[in-house]
Protein backbone atom coordinates (compact mmCIF):
# COMPACT_ATOMS: atom_id res chain seq x y z
CA MET A 1 0.00 0.00 0.00
CA GLN A 2 2.86 2.37 0.78
CA ASN A 3 4.21 2.29 -2.79
CA HIS A 4 0.75 3.25 -4.10
CA LYS A 5 0.33 6.23 -1.78
CA THR A 6 1.08 8.76 -4.54
CA SER A 7 -1.52 7.24 -6.88
CA ILE A 8 -4.13 7.27 -4.12
CA VAL A 9 -3.41 10.89 -3.19
CA VAL A 10 -3.51 12.02 -6.84
CA THR A 11 -6.83 10.22 -7.33
CA LEU A 12 -8.32 11.78 -4.21
CA VAL A 13 -7.19 15.28 -5.20
CA LEU A 14 -8.54 14.86 -8.74
CA GLY A 15 -11.83 13.59 -7.30
CA ILE A 16 -12.21 16.58 -4.99
CA ILE A 17 -11.35 19.02 -7.78
CA SER A 18 -13.79 17.26 -10.14
CA VAL A 19 -16.65 17.53 -7.66
CA LEU A 20 -15.95 21.22 -7.01
CA TYR A 21 -15.55 21.95 -10.72
CA LEU A 22 -18.92 20.31 -11.34
CA ILE A 23 -20.55 23.37 -9.77
CA VAL A 24 -18.71 25.66 -12.19
CA ALA A 25 -19.62 23.45 -15.15
CA VAL A 26 -23.32 23.45 -14.19
CA LEU A 27 -23.28 27.25 -13.99
CA ALA A 28 -21.65 27.43 -17.42
CA LEU A 29 -24.24 25.05 -18.86
CA LEU A 30 -27.01 27.18 -17.39
CA ASP A 31 -25.55 30.24 -19.14
CA ILE A 32 -25.39 28.30 -22.39
CA TYR A 33 -28.99 27.12 -21.97
CA GLN A 34 -30.28 30.64 -21.29
CA HIS A 35 -28.25 32.03 -24.23
CA ARG A 36 -28.31 35.60 -22.93
CA GLU A 37 -24.81 36.44 -24.14
CA PRO A 38 -23.80 36.71 -27.80
CA ASP A 39 -20.47 34.93 -27.26
CA LEU A 40 -20.60 31.67 -25.31
CA SER A 41 -17.06 30.49 -26.10
CA GLU A 42 -15.85 30.93 -22.52
CA GLU A 43 -18.73 28.88 -21.17
CA TRP A 44 -18.03 26.12 -23.68
CA ALA A 45 -14.34 26.20 -22.72
CA VAL A 46 -15.34 25.66 -19.07
CA VAL A 47 -17.52 22.68 -20.04
CA VAL A 48 -14.79 21.13 -22.21
CA PHE A 49 -12.21 21.55 -19.45
CA GLY A 50 -14.65 19.92 -17.02
CA LEU A 51 -14.99 16.93 -19.34
CA PHE A 52 -11.21 16.69 -19.64
CA LEU A 53 -10.90 16.83 -15.85
CA PHE A 54 -13.53 14.09 -15.49
CA VAL A 55 -11.67 11.84 -17.97
CA LEU A 56 -8.41 12.48 -16.10
CA PHE A 57 -10.02 11.61 -12.76
CA SER A 58 -11.68 8.49 -14.15
CA SER A 59 -8.43 7.29 -15.70
CA SER A 60 -6.57 7.87 -12.46
CA ALA A 61 -9.21 5.99 -10.47
CA ILE A 62 -9.13 3.04 -12.88
CA PHE A 63 -5.32 2.96 -12.95
CA THR A 64 -5.04 3.14 -9.15
CA THR A 65 -7.69 0.45 -8.64
CA ILE A 66 -5.95 -1.91 -11.06
CA ARG A 67 -2.62 -1.37 -9.30
CA LEU A 68 -4.16 -2.04 -5.89
CA LEU A 69 -5.97 -5.16 -7.10
CA ARG A 70 -2.78 -6.53 -8.67
CA GLN A 71 -0.89 -5.93 -5.43
CA ASN A 72 -3.59 -7.62 -3.35
CA THR A 73 -3.66 -10.71 -5.60
CA LYS A 74 0.14 -11.07 -5.37
CA ILE A 75 0.04 -10.89 -1.57
CA SER A 76 -2.82 -13.42 -1.16
C-alpha cells in the first residue's frame, strides 16, 4: 500500500477538484442554456475543461484500482 500512496493521493485530489468543478460546469451550462450572451465560447471552454478533468479523474481511479488489485492478488 505504501508504494501506491502517490496514486491514491492524486486520485483523491482529482476527485475533490472534479466535484468542485462540477458546480462551475453546471453554472456554465445554465448560461449556455439561457443564451443571454452573444459569445458563449468561454462557457463552452469551461464545459470542455470539465470533461477533460472528469476523464483524467476516471483514468486515475481506474489505474489506481488496477494497481491495488494486482498488489492484493500477489500478496494473497
